[in-house]
């Protein structure tokens, strides 16, 4: 009977070289993957989701964190989000409710049911609808870190992406819910995104501060292209490369409004609408930006 030592020596003679080659192969593969991951520019993806007459913006940062701004008017938001991420992903890092209107917050209720939301940011303006009351209850049940958005607050994702709140100021008084829209400036490298909910022209001058750069890359047209948003003063300041309109086809409000469209065409290089193009995604490494649409 062969001893244990003889068995080991026999194994080494027969399979040692094969084993060595396999180990080297695995090492080469892992090294190649590491080099690819570290050398490939990591990208930011900002998707204006096609959810009909409303707003819903999904932001995926280079490190894989997710920020959802508003949820649209129905639970179709779940289908739209899972067209962008893995079906097995149930974590949302940050959720922002810009203001209490149903076409922005209704879809946030199923989001809170489906996802574990780590941080929630809301507007200081209260809502009095049944949908908003249901959202408030869902937020309380989530037990997330919750804040009222205040101008100057910064979300730092620690991968080059920051989101700065430009509006509202907590001591402001509001005539309606739109005036309290949480407005964010998203930055990654040279690219900037101005995301302003339904902010009306009466409040737009308040965001024209040193925090807001001139020549914005992407501007989400306020209030779905309403004539009461996207005012001349704001547009002459930001001169967006792209203006995005999030609205539903043949909606009862007549969005986008002709007057607003004329202003946007005057100051924007390109206007893109979810009505015509479906979900609109901007993908950037901080220097170069590309646009993908689902229509």
C-alpha atoms as a PDB file:
ATOM      1  CA  UNK A   1       0.000   0.000   0.000  1.00  0.00           C
ATOM      2  CA  UNK A   2       1.349   3.387  -0.975  1.00  0.00           C
ATOM      3  CA  UNK A   3       2.025   5.872   1.775  1.00  0.00           C
ATOM      4  CA  UNK A   4       0.288   9.244   1.935  1.00  0.00           C
ATOM      5  CA  UNK A   5       3.501  10.946   0.857  1.00  0.00           C
ATOM      6  CA  UNK A   6       3.786   8.698  -2.185  1.00  0.00           C
ATOM      7  CA  UNK A   7       0.147   9.421  -3.114  1.00  0.00           C
ATOM      8  CA  UNK A   8       0.784  13.161  -2.930  1.00  0.00           C
ATOM      9  CA  UNK A   9       3.920  12.865  -5.050  1.00  0.00           C
ATOM     10  CA  UNK A  10       2.040  10.767  -7.595  1.00  0.00           C
ATOM     11  CA  UNK A  11      -0.784  13.344  -7.757  1.00  0.00           C
ATOM     12  CA  UNK A  12       1.716  16.152  -8.243  1.00  0.00           C
ATOM     13  CA  UNK A  13       3.424  14.308 -11.073  1.00  0.00           C
ATOM     14  CA  UNK A  14       0.156  13.617 -12.890  1.00  0.00           C
ATOM     15  CA  UNK A  15      -1.840  16.774 -12.209  1.00  0.00           C
ATOM     16  CA  UNK A  16       0.558  19.380 -10.870  1.00  0.00           C
ATOM     17  CA  UNK A  17       1.193  21.046 -14.208  1.00  0.00           C
ATOM     18  CA  UNK A  18      -2.516  21.110 -15.065  1.00  0.00           C
ATOM     19  CA  UNK A  19      -3.318  22.584 -11.668  1.00  0.00           C
ATOM     20  CA  UNK A  20      -0.606  25.220 -12.120  1.00  0.00           C
ATOM     21  CA  UNK A  21      -1.931  26.171 -15.568  1.00  0.00           C
ATOM     22  CA  UNK A  22      -5.497  26.474 -14.213  1.00  0.00           C
ATOM     23  CA  UNK A  23      -4.350  28.695 -11.341  1.00  0.00           C
ATOM     24  CA  UNK A  24      -2.390  30.913 -13.744  1.00  0.00           C
ATOM     25  CA  UNK A  25      -5.406  31.132 -16.061  1.00  0.00           C
ATOM     26  CA  UNK A  26      -7.707  32.198 -13.236  1.00  0.00           C
ATOM     27  CA  UNK A  27      -5.138  34.770 -12.142  1.00  0.00           C
ATOM     28  CA  UNK A  28      -4.905  36.210 -15.655  1.00  0.00           C
ATOM     29  CA  UNK A  29      -8.702  36.430 -15.932  1.00  0.00           C
ATOM     30  CA  UNK A  30      -9.054  38.166 -12.554  1.00  0.00           C
ATOM     31  CA  UNK A  31      -6.242  40.564 -13.388  1.00  0.00           C
ATOM     32  CA  UNK A  32      -7.860  41.373 -16.733  1.00  0.00           C
ATOM     33  CA  UNK A  33     -11.192  42.057 -15.053  1.00  0.00           C
ATOM     34  CA  UNK A  34      -9.519  44.324 -12.497  1.00  0.00           C
ATOM     35  CA  UNK A  35      -7.679  46.269 -15.198  1.00  0.00           C
ATOM     36  CA  UNK A  36     -10.871  46.615 -17.249  1.00  0.00           C
ATOM     37  CA  UNK A  37     -12.935  47.841 -14.308  1.00  0.00           C
ATOM     38  CA  UNK A  38     -10.327  50.306 -13.065  1.00  0.00           C
ATOM     39  CA  UNK A  39      -9.449  51.649 -16.514  1.00  0.00           C
ATOM     40  CA  UNK A  40     -13.003  51.931 -17.877  1.00  0.00           C
ATOM     41  CA  UNK A  41     -14.498  55.369 -17.137  1.00  0.00           C
ATOM     42  CA  UNK A  42     -17.301  55.019 -14.610  1.00  0.00           C
ATOM     43  CA  UNK A  43     -20.492  56.707 -15.740  1.00  0.00           C
ATOM     44  CA  UNK A  44     -23.504  58.570 -14.421  1.00  0.00           C
ATOM     45  CA  UNK A  45     -26.908  57.698 -15.873  1.00  0.00           C
ATOM     46  CA  UNK A  46     -29.861  60.070 -15.546  1.00  0.00           C
ATOM     47  CA  UNK A  47     -33.142  58.674 -16.898  1.00  0.00           C
ATOM     48  CA  UNK A  48     -36.288  60.733 -17.342  1.00  0.00           C
ATOM     49  CA  UNK A  49     -38.789  57.903 -17.143  1.00  0.00           C
ATOM     50  CA  UNK A  50     -41.755  57.635 -19.496  1.00  0.00           C
ATOM     51  CA  UNK A  51     -44.563  57.534 -16.930  1.00  0.00           C
ATOM     52  CA  UNK A  52     -47.201  59.631 -18.692  1.00  0.00           C
ATOM     53  CA  UNK A  53     -48.340  63.003 -17.344  1.00  0.00           C
ATOM     54  CA  UNK A  54     -45.969  63.496 -14.448  1.00  0.00           C
ATOM     55  CA  UNK A  55     -42.344  63.396 -13.338  1.00  0.00           C
ATOM     56  CA  UNK A  56     -40.044  60.523 -12.401  1.00  0.00           C
ATOM     57  CA  UNK A  57     -36.258  60.678 -12.700  1.00  0.00           C
ATOM     58  CA  UNK A  58     -33.958  57.760 -11.886  1.00  0.00           C
ATOM     59  CA  UNK A  59     -30.311  58.620 -11.292  1.00  0.00           C
ATOM     60  CA  UNK A  60     -27.650  55.895 -11.137  1.00  0.00           C
ATOM     61  CA  UNK A  61     -24.235  57.062  -9.972  1.00  0.00           C
ATOM     62  CA  UNK A  62     -20.865  55.602 -11.073  1.00  0.00           C
ATOM     63  CA  UNK A  63     -20.609  53.561  -7.868  1.00  0.00           C
ATOM     64  CA  UNK A  64     -24.071  52.067  -8.389  1.00  0.00           C
ATOM     65  CA  UNK A  65     -26.047  54.214  -5.975  1.00  0.00           C
ATOM     66  CA  UNK A  66     -29.600  55.142  -6.942  1.00  0.00           C
ATOM     67  CA  UNK A  67     -31.525  58.380  -6.489  1.00  0.00           C
ATOM     68  CA  UNK A  68     -35.204  58.593  -7.469  1.00  0.00           C
ATOM     69  CA  UNK A  69     -36.800  62.005  -7.877  1.00  0.00           C
ATOM     70  CA  UNK A  70     -40.622  61.715  -7.883  1.00  0.00           C
ATOM     71  CA  UNK A  71     -42.642  58.695  -8.951  1.00  0.00           C
ATOM     72  CA  UNK A  72     -45.214  59.816 -11.485  1.00  0.00           C
ATOM     73  CA  UNK A  73     -49.012  59.377 -11.383  1.00  0.00           C
ATOM     74  CA  UNK A  74     -49.342  55.558 -11.229  1.00  0.00           C
ATOM     75  CA  UNK A  75     -47.526  52.351 -10.291  1.00  0.00           C
ATOM     76  CA  UNK A  76     -46.131  52.122 -13.844  1.00  0.00           C
ATOM     77  CA  UNK A  77     -43.003  53.525 -12.204  1.00  0.00           C
ATOM     78  CA  UNK A  78     -42.070  49.986 -11.115  1.00  0.00           C
ATOM     79  CA  UNK A  79     -42.000  48.718 -14.696  1.00  0.00           C
ATOM     80  CA  UNK A  80     -39.980  51.718 -15.801  1.00  0.00           C
ATOM     81  CA  UNK A  81     -37.431  51.353 -13.024  1.00  0.00           C
ATOM     82  CA  UNK A  82     -36.992  47.626 -13.593  1.00  0.00           C
ATOM     83  CA  UNK A  83     -36.267  48.344 -17.230  1.00  0.00           C
ATOM     84  CA  UNK A  84     -33.215  50.204 -15.923  1.00  0.00           C
ATOM     85  CA  UNK A  85     -31.986  48.011 -13.047  1.00  0.00           C
ATOM     86  CA  UNK A  86     -31.942  44.361 -11.978  1.00  0.00           C
ATOM     87  CA  UNK A  87     -35.301  42.877 -11.000  1.00  0.00           C
ATOM     88  CA  UNK A  88     -33.604  41.490  -7.885  1.00  0.00           C
ATOM     89  CA  UNK A  89     -32.468  44.932  -6.721  1.00  0.00           C
ATOM     90  CA  UNK A  90     -34.679  46.188  -3.900  1.00  0.00           C
ATOM     91  CA  UNK A  91     -32.590  49.056  -2.540  1.00  0.00           C
ATOM     92  CA  UNK A  92     -33.069  52.759  -3.240  1.00  0.00           C
ATOM     93  CA  UNK A  93     -30.360  54.936  -1.705  1.00  0.00           C
ATOM     94  CA  UNK A  94     -32.235  58.248  -1.866  1.00  0.00           C
ATOM     95  CA  UNK A  95     -35.817  59.182  -2.733  1.00  0.00           C
ATOM     96  CA  UNK A  96     -36.908  62.787  -3.277  1.00  0.00           C
ATOM     97  CA  UNK A  97     -40.513  63.952  -3.244  1.00  0.00           C
ATOM     98  CA  UNK A  98     -40.315  67.392  -4.826  1.00  0.00           C
ATOM     99  CA  UNK A  99     -43.841  68.455  -3.800  1.00  0.00           C
ATOM    100  CA  UNK A 100     -47.183  66.825  -2.876  1.00  0.00           C
ATOM    101  CA  UNK A 101     -48.995  66.824  -6.249  1.00  0.00           C
ATOM    102  CA  UNK A 102     -50.416  63.445  -7.291  1.00  0.00           C
ATOM    103  CA  UNK A 103     -48.604  63.334 -10.659  1.00  0.00           C
ATOM    104  CA  UNK A 104     -45.321  63.379  -8.755  1.00  0.00           C
ATOM    105  CA  UNK A 105     -45.986  61.334  -5.605  1.00  0.00           C
ATOM    106  CA  UNK A 106     -48.508  58.589  -6.437  1.00  0.00           C
ATOM    107  CA  UNK A 107     -45.825  56.256  -7.795  1.00  0.00           C
ATOM    108  CA  UNK A 108     -43.664  56.747  -4.707  1.00  0.00           C
ATOM    109  CA  UNK A 109     -46.100  54.658  -2.655  1.00  0.00           C
ATOM    110  CA  UNK A 110     -45.391  51.370  -4.517  1.00  0.00           C
ATOM    111  CA  UNK A 111     -41.699  52.296  -4.491  1.00  0.00           C
ATOM    112  CA  UNK A 112     -41.783  52.358  -0.697  1.00  0.00           C
ATOM    113  CA  UNK A 113     -43.583  49.002  -0.694  1.00  0.00           C
ATOM    114  CA  UNK A 114     -41.083  47.353  -3.047  1.00  0.00           C
ATOM    115  CA  UNK A 115     -37.768  48.985  -2.091  1.00  0.00           C
ATOM    116  CA  UNK A 116     -35.773  49.549   1.060  1.00  0.00           C
ATOM    117  CA  UNK A 117     -35.245  53.307   0.896  1.00  0.00           C
ATOM    118  CA  UNK A 118     -32.292  54.565   2.918  1.00  0.00           C
ATOM    119  CA  UNK A 119     -32.925  58.318   2.809  1.00  0.00           C
ATOM    120  CA  UNK A 120     -36.018  60.372   1.951  1.00  0.00           C
ATOM    121  CA  UNK A 121     -36.115  64.089   1.156  1.00  0.00           C
ATOM    122  CA  UNK A 122     -39.419  65.947   0.997  1.00  0.00           C
ATOM    123  CA  UNK A 123     -40.650  69.460   0.403  1.00  0.00           C
ATOM    124  CA  UNK A 124     -41.651  71.652   3.334  1.00  0.00           C
ATOM    125  CA  UNK A 125     -44.974  72.466   1.646  1.00  0.00           C
ATOM    126  CA  UNK A 126     -47.796  70.243   2.958  1.00  0.00           C
ATOM    127  CA  UNK A 127     -50.379  68.410   0.878  1.00  0.00           C
ATOM    128  CA  UNK A 128     -54.028  67.826   1.726  1.00  0.00           C
ATOM    129  CA  UNK A 129     -55.000  65.052  -0.702  1.00  0.00           C
ATOM    130  CA  UNK A 130     -55.698  61.438   0.165  1.00  0.00           C
ATOM    131  CA  UNK A 131     -52.765  60.312  -1.973  1.00  0.00           C
ATOM    132  CA  UNK A 132     -50.370  62.573  -0.086  1.00  0.00           C
ATOM    133  CA  UNK A 133     -51.692  61.342   3.264  1.00  0.00           C
ATOM    134  CA  UNK A 134     -51.086  57.778   2.087  1.00  0.00           C
ATOM    135  CA  UNK A 135     -47.544  58.710   1.058  1.00  0.00           C
ATOM    136  CA  UNK A 136     -46.905  60.268   4.467  1.00  0.00           C
ATOM    137  CA  UNK A 137     -48.052  57.050   6.137  1.00  0.00           C
ATOM    138  CA  UNK A 138     -45.809  54.962   3.850  1.00  0.00           C
ATOM    139  CA  UNK A 139     -42.828  57.174   4.671  1.00  0.00           C
ATOM    140  CA  UNK A 140     -43.446  56.778   8.393  1.00  0.00           C
ATOM    141  CA  UNK A 141     -43.658  53.005   8.033  1.00  0.00           C
ATOM    142  CA  UNK A 142     -40.383  52.918   6.085  1.00  0.00           C
ATOM    143  CA  UNK A 143     -38.399  54.168   9.093  1.00  0.00           C
ATOM    144  CA  UNK A 144     -35.886  55.810   6.766  1.00  0.00           C
ATOM    145  CA  UNK A 145     -33.654  58.777   7.442  1.00  0.00           C
ATOM    146  CA  UNK A 146     -36.003  61.613   6.458  1.00  0.00           C
ATOM    147  CA  UNK A 147     -35.242  65.282   5.820  1.00  0.00           C
ATOM    148  CA  UNK A 148     -37.069  68.354   4.598  1.00  0.00           C
ATOM    149  CA  UNK A 149     -35.069  69.709   1.667  1.00  0.00           C
ATOM    150  CA  UNK A 150     -33.488  73.107   2.302  1.00  0.00           C
ATOM    151  CA  UNK A 151     -31.510  75.305  -0.074  1.00  0.00           C
ATOM    152  CA  UNK A 152     -27.785  74.693   0.379  1.00  0.00           C
ATOM    153  CA  UNK A 153     -28.065  71.048   1.466  1.00  0.00           C
ATOM    154  CA  UNK A 154     -25.721  68.757  -0.459  1.00  0.00           C
ATOM    155  CA  UNK A 155     -26.001  65.052  -1.207  1.00  0.00           C
ATOM    156  CA  UNK A 156     -22.483  63.728  -1.804  1.00  0.00           C
ATOM    157  CA  UNK A 157     -22.376  60.217  -3.259  1.00  0.00           C
ATOM    158  CA  UNK A 158     -18.562  60.097  -2.834  1.00  0.00           C
ATOM    159  CA  UNK A 159     -17.976  58.950  -6.400  1.00  0.00           C
ATOM    160  CA  UNK A 160     -17.759  62.370  -8.045  1.00  0.00           C
ATOM    161  CA  UNK A 161     -21.533  62.957  -8.091  1.00  0.00           C
ATOM    162  CA  UNK A 162     -23.168  65.633  -5.950  1.00  0.00           C
ATOM    163  CA  UNK A 163     -26.738  66.905  -5.774  1.00  0.00           C
ATOM    164  CA  UNK A 164     -27.207  70.366  -4.296  1.00  0.00           C
ATOM    165  CA  UNK A 165     -30.632  71.603  -3.235  1.00  0.00           C
ATOM    166  CA  UNK A 166     -31.231  75.098  -4.629  1.00  0.00           C
ATOM    167  CA  UNK A 167     -34.820  75.542  -3.437  1.00  0.00           C
ATOM    168  CA  UNK A 168     -36.848  75.899  -1.259  1.00  0.00           C
ATOM    169  CA  UNK A 169     -35.660  77.896   1.722  1.00  0.00           C
ATOM    170  CA  UNK A 170     -37.291  76.584   4.882  1.00  0.00           C
ATOM    171  CA  UNK A 171     -38.512  80.012   5.960  1.00  0.00           C
ATOM    172  CA  UNK A 172     -40.400  80.602   2.701  1.00  0.00           C
ATOM    173  CA  UNK A 173     -44.167  80.974   2.480  1.00  0.00           C
ATOM    174  CA  UNK A 174     -45.983  79.345  -0.413  1.00  0.00           C
ATOM    175  CA  UNK A 175     -49.192  80.185  -2.235  1.00  0.00           C
ATOM    176  CA  UNK A 176     -49.420  76.702  -3.739  1.00  0.00           C
ATOM    177  CA  UNK A 177     -47.617  73.359  -3.746  1.00  0.00           C
ATOM    178  CA  UNK A 178     -45.663  74.064  -6.943  1.00  0.00           C
ATOM    179  CA  UNK A 179     -43.867  76.977  -5.283  1.00  0.00           C
ATOM    180  CA  UNK A 180     -42.324  74.588  -2.768  1.00  0.00           C
ATOM    181  CA  UNK A 181     -40.810  72.264  -5.372  1.00  0.00           C
ATOM    182  CA  UNK A 182     -37.488  70.813  -4.258  1.00  0.00           C
ATOM    183  CA  UNK A 183     -34.994  71.861  -6.943  1.00  0.00           C
ATOM    184  CA  UNK A 184     -31.670  70.069  -7.344  1.00  0.00           C
ATOM    185  CA  UNK A 185     -28.470  70.726  -9.228  1.00  0.00           C
ATOM    186  CA  UNK A 186     -26.796  67.425 -10.102  1.00  0.00           C
ATOM    187  CA  UNK A 187     -23.112  67.582 -11.035  1.00  0.00           C
ATOM    188  CA  UNK A 188     -20.612  65.059 -12.346  1.00  0.00           C
ATOM    189  CA  UNK A 189     -17.377  66.331 -13.850  1.00  0.00           C
ATOM    190  CA  UNK A 190     -18.180  68.940 -16.464  1.00  0.00           C
ATOM    191  CA  UNK A 191     -21.835  67.905 -16.807  1.00  0.00           C
ATOM    192  CA  UNK A 192     -24.711  69.511 -14.895  1.00  0.00           C
ATOM    193  CA  UNK A 193     -28.431  68.754 -14.571  1.00  0.00           C
ATOM    194  CA  UNK A 194     -31.040  71.210 -13.271  1.00  0.00           C
ATOM    195  CA  UNK A 195     -34.067  69.315 -11.914  1.00  0.00           C
ATOM    196  CA  UNK A 196     -36.794  71.618 -10.647  1.00  0.00           C
ATOM    197  CA  UNK A 197     -40.102  69.786 -10.219  1.00  0.00           C
ATOM    198  CA  UNK A 198     -42.974  72.168 -10.956  1.00  0.00           C
ATOM    199  CA  UNK A 199     -41.140  75.324  -9.897  1.00  0.00           C
ATOM    200  CA  UNK A 200     -42.990  78.370 -11.323  1.00  0.00           C
ATOM    201  CA  UNK A 201     -41.400  81.455 -12.890  1.00  0.00           C
ATOM    202  CA  UNK A 202     -42.228  83.455  -9.746  1.00  0.00           C
ATOM    203  CA  UNK A 203     -39.737  81.337  -7.777  1.00  0.00           C
ATOM    204  CA  UNK A 204     -37.110  80.750 -10.476  1.00  0.00           C
ATOM    205  CA  UNK A 205     -35.133  83.939  -9.628  1.00  0.00           C
ATOM    206  CA  UNK A 206     -34.406  82.445  -6.203  1.00  0.00           C
ATOM    207  CA  UNK A 207     -32.216  79.720  -7.707  1.00  0.00           C
ATOM    208  CA  UNK A 208     -30.079  82.176  -9.710  1.00  0.00           C
ATOM    209  CA  UNK A 209     -27.266  82.171  -7.173  1.00  0.00           C
ATOM    210  CA  UNK A 210     -23.569  81.391  -7.254  1.00  0.00           C
ATOM    211  CA  UNK A 211     -24.464  77.718  -6.734  1.00  0.00           C
ATOM    212  CA  UNK A 212     -26.070  77.554 -10.174  1.00  0.00           C
ATOM    213  CA  UNK A 213     -23.581  77.583 -13.057  1.00  0.00           C
ATOM    214  CA  UNK A 214     -24.254  79.194 -16.399  1.00  0.00           C
ATOM    215  CA  UNK A 215     -24.710  76.866 -19.388  1.00  0.00           C
ATOM    216  CA  UNK A 216     -26.428  73.833 -17.868  1.00  0.00           C
ATOM    217  CA  UNK A 217     -26.031  70.546 -19.747  1.00  0.00           C
ATOM    218  CA  UNK A 218     -29.566  69.235 -19.113  1.00  0.00           C
ATOM    219  CA  UNK A 219     -32.555  71.183 -17.841  1.00  0.00           C
ATOM    220  CA  UNK A 220     -35.799  69.457 -16.914  1.00  0.00           C
ATOM    221  CA  UNK A 221     -38.352  71.974 -18.117  1.00  0.00           C
ATOM    222  CA  UNK A 222     -40.341  73.113 -15.104  1.00  0.00           C
ATOM    223  CA  UNK A 223     -43.928  71.910 -14.654  1.00  0.00           C
ATOM    224  CA  UNK A 224     -44.000  69.695 -17.758  1.00  0.00           C
ATOM    225  CA  UNK A 225     -43.530  72.636 -20.099  1.00  0.00           C
ATOM    226  CA  UNK A 226     -46.212  74.854 -18.548  1.00  0.00           C
ATOM    227  CA  UNK A 227     -46.285  78.489 -19.674  1.00  0.00           C
ATOM    228  CA  UNK A 228     -45.884  79.433 -16.006  1.00  0.00           C
ATOM    229  CA  UNK A 229     -42.418  77.845 -15.779  1.00  0.00           C
ATOM    230  CA  UNK A 230     -39.130  77.990 -17.730  1.00  0.00           C
ATOM    231  CA  UNK A 231     -39.129  81.768 -17.709  1.00  0.00           C
ATOM    232  CA  UNK A 232     -36.935  84.007 -19.808  1.00  0.00           C
ATOM    233  CA  UNK A 233     -34.798  85.111 -16.857  1.00  0.00           C
ATOM    234  CA  UNK A 234     -33.875  81.522 -15.955  1.00  0.00           C
ATOM    235  CA  UNK A 235     -33.278  80.399 -19.530  1.00  0.00           C
ATOM    236  CA  UNK A 236     -31.011  83.337 -20.386  1.00  0.00           C
ATOM    237  CA  UNK A 237     -28.949  82.395 -17.331  1.00  0.00           C
ATOM    238  CA  UNK A 238     -28.619  78.625 -17.851  1.00  0.00           C
ATOM    239  CA  UNK A 239     -28.793  78.342 -21.698  1.00  0.00           C
ATOM    240  CA  UNK A 240     -29.266  74.540 -21.543  1.00  0.00           C
ATOM    241  CA  UNK A 241     -27.728  72.203 -24.059  1.00  0.00           C
ATOM    242  CA  UNK A 242     -30.742  69.897 -23.670  1.00  0.00           C
ATOM    243  CA  UNK A 243     -34.207  70.716 -22.323  1.00  0.00           C
ATOM    244  CA  UNK A 244     -36.302  67.708 -21.327  1.00  0.00           C
ATOM    245  CA  UNK A 245     -40.087  67.802 -21.127  1.00  0.00           C
ATOM    246  CA  UNK A 246     -41.739  65.091 -19.039  1.00  0.00           C
ATOM    247  CA  UNK A 247     -45.419  64.960 -19.998  1.00  0.00           C
ATOM    248  CA  UNK A 248     -48.142  62.646 -21.250  1.00  0.00           C
ATOM    249  CA  UNK A 249     -49.492  62.527 -24.779  1.00  0.00           C
ATOM    250  CA  UNK A 250     -52.725  64.523 -25.273  1.00  0.00           C
ATOM    251  CA  UNK A 251     -52.813  65.475 -21.596  1.00  0.00           C
ATOM    252  CA  UNK A 252     -55.705  67.639 -20.391  1.00  0.00           C
ATOM    253  CA  UNK A 253     -53.408  70.505 -19.370  1.00  0.00           C
ATOM    254  CA  UNK A 254     -52.080  71.154 -22.862  1.00  0.00           C
ATOM    255  CA  UNK A 255     -48.468  70.571 -21.789  1.00  0.00           C
ATOM    256  CA  UNK A 256     -46.093  71.544 -23.230  1.00  0.00           C
ATOM    257  CA  UNK A 257     -47.430  75.045 -23.761  1.00  0.00           C
ATOM    258  CA  UNK A 258     -46.620  76.854 -27.019  1.00  0.00           C
ATOM    259  CA  UNK A 259     -45.243  79.953 -25.272  1.00  0.00           C
ATOM    260  CA  UNK A 260     -42.962  77.838 -23.099  1.00  0.00           C
ATOM    261  CA  UNK A 261     -41.806  75.864 -26.133  1.00  0.00           C
ATOM    262  CA  UNK A 262     -40.897  79.078 -27.956  1.00  0.00           C
ATOM    263  CA  UNK A 263     -38.794  80.195 -24.998  1.00  0.00           C
ATOM    264  CA  UNK A 264     -37.120  76.790 -24.714  1.00  0.00           C
ATOM    265  CA  UNK A 265     -36.377  76.710 -28.461  1.00  0.00           C
ATOM    266  CA  UNK A 266     -34.835  80.181 -28.224  1.00  0.00           C
ATOM    267  CA  UNK A 267     -32.307  79.236 -25.544  1.00  0.00           C
ATOM    268  CA  UNK A 268     -31.831  75.444 -25.819  1.00  0.00           C
ATOM    269  CA  UNK A 269     -29.733  73.600 -28.343  1.00  0.00           C
ATOM    270  CA  UNK A 270     -32.153  70.656 -28.327  1.00  0.00           C
ATOM    271  CA  UNK A 271     -35.562  69.869 -26.799  1.00  0.00           C
ATOM    272  CA  UNK A 272     -36.503  66.257 -26.050  1.00  0.00           C
ATOM    273  CA  UNK A 273     -39.893  65.089 -24.791  1.00  0.00           C
ATOM    274  CA  UNK A 274     -40.983  61.818 -23.208  1.00  0.00           C
ATOM    275  CA  UNK A 275     -44.140  62.122 -25.333  1.00  0.00           C
ATOM    276  CA  UNK A 276     -42.137  61.557 -28.497  1.00  0.00           C
ATOM    277  CA  UNK A 277     -39.067  59.675 -27.264  1.00  0.00           C
ATOM    278  CA  UNK A 278     -40.232  57.606 -24.296  1.00  0.00           C
ATOM    279  CA  UNK A 279     -37.722  57.231 -21.474  1.00  0.00           C
ATOM    280  CA  UNK A 280     -34.779  59.567 -22.075  1.00  0.00           C
ATOM    281  CA  UNK A 281     -31.405  58.583 -20.583  1.00  0.00           C
ATOM    282  CA  UNK A 282     -28.282  60.725 -20.424  1.00  0.00           C
ATOM    283  CA  UNK A 283     -25.071  58.774 -19.836  1.00  0.00           C
ATOM    284  CA  UNK A 284     -21.817  60.562 -19.081  1.00  0.00           C
ATOM    285  CA  UNK A 285     -18.296  60.001 -17.795  1.00  0.00           C
ATOM    286  CA  UNK A 286     -18.220  63.638 -16.709  1.00  0.00           C
ATOM    287  CA  UNK A 287     -16.738  64.870 -19.976  1.00  0.00           C
ATOM    288  CA  UNK A 288     -18.750  63.363 -22.830  1.00  0.00           C
ATOM    289  CA  UNK A 289     -22.519  62.826 -22.776  1.00  0.00           C
ATOM    290  CA  UNK A 290     -24.663  60.495 -24.851  1.00  0.00           C
ATOM    291  CA  UNK A 291     -28.438  60.280 -25.156  1.00  0.00           C
ATOM    292  CA  UNK A 292     -30.498  57.093 -25.391  1.00  0.00           C
ATOM    293  CA  UNK A 293     -34.267  56.928 -25.825  1.00  0.00           C
ATOM    294  CA  UNK A 294     -36.788  54.093 -25.912  1.00  0.00           C
ATOM    295  CA  UNK A 295     -38.729  55.430 -28.901  1.00  0.00           C
END
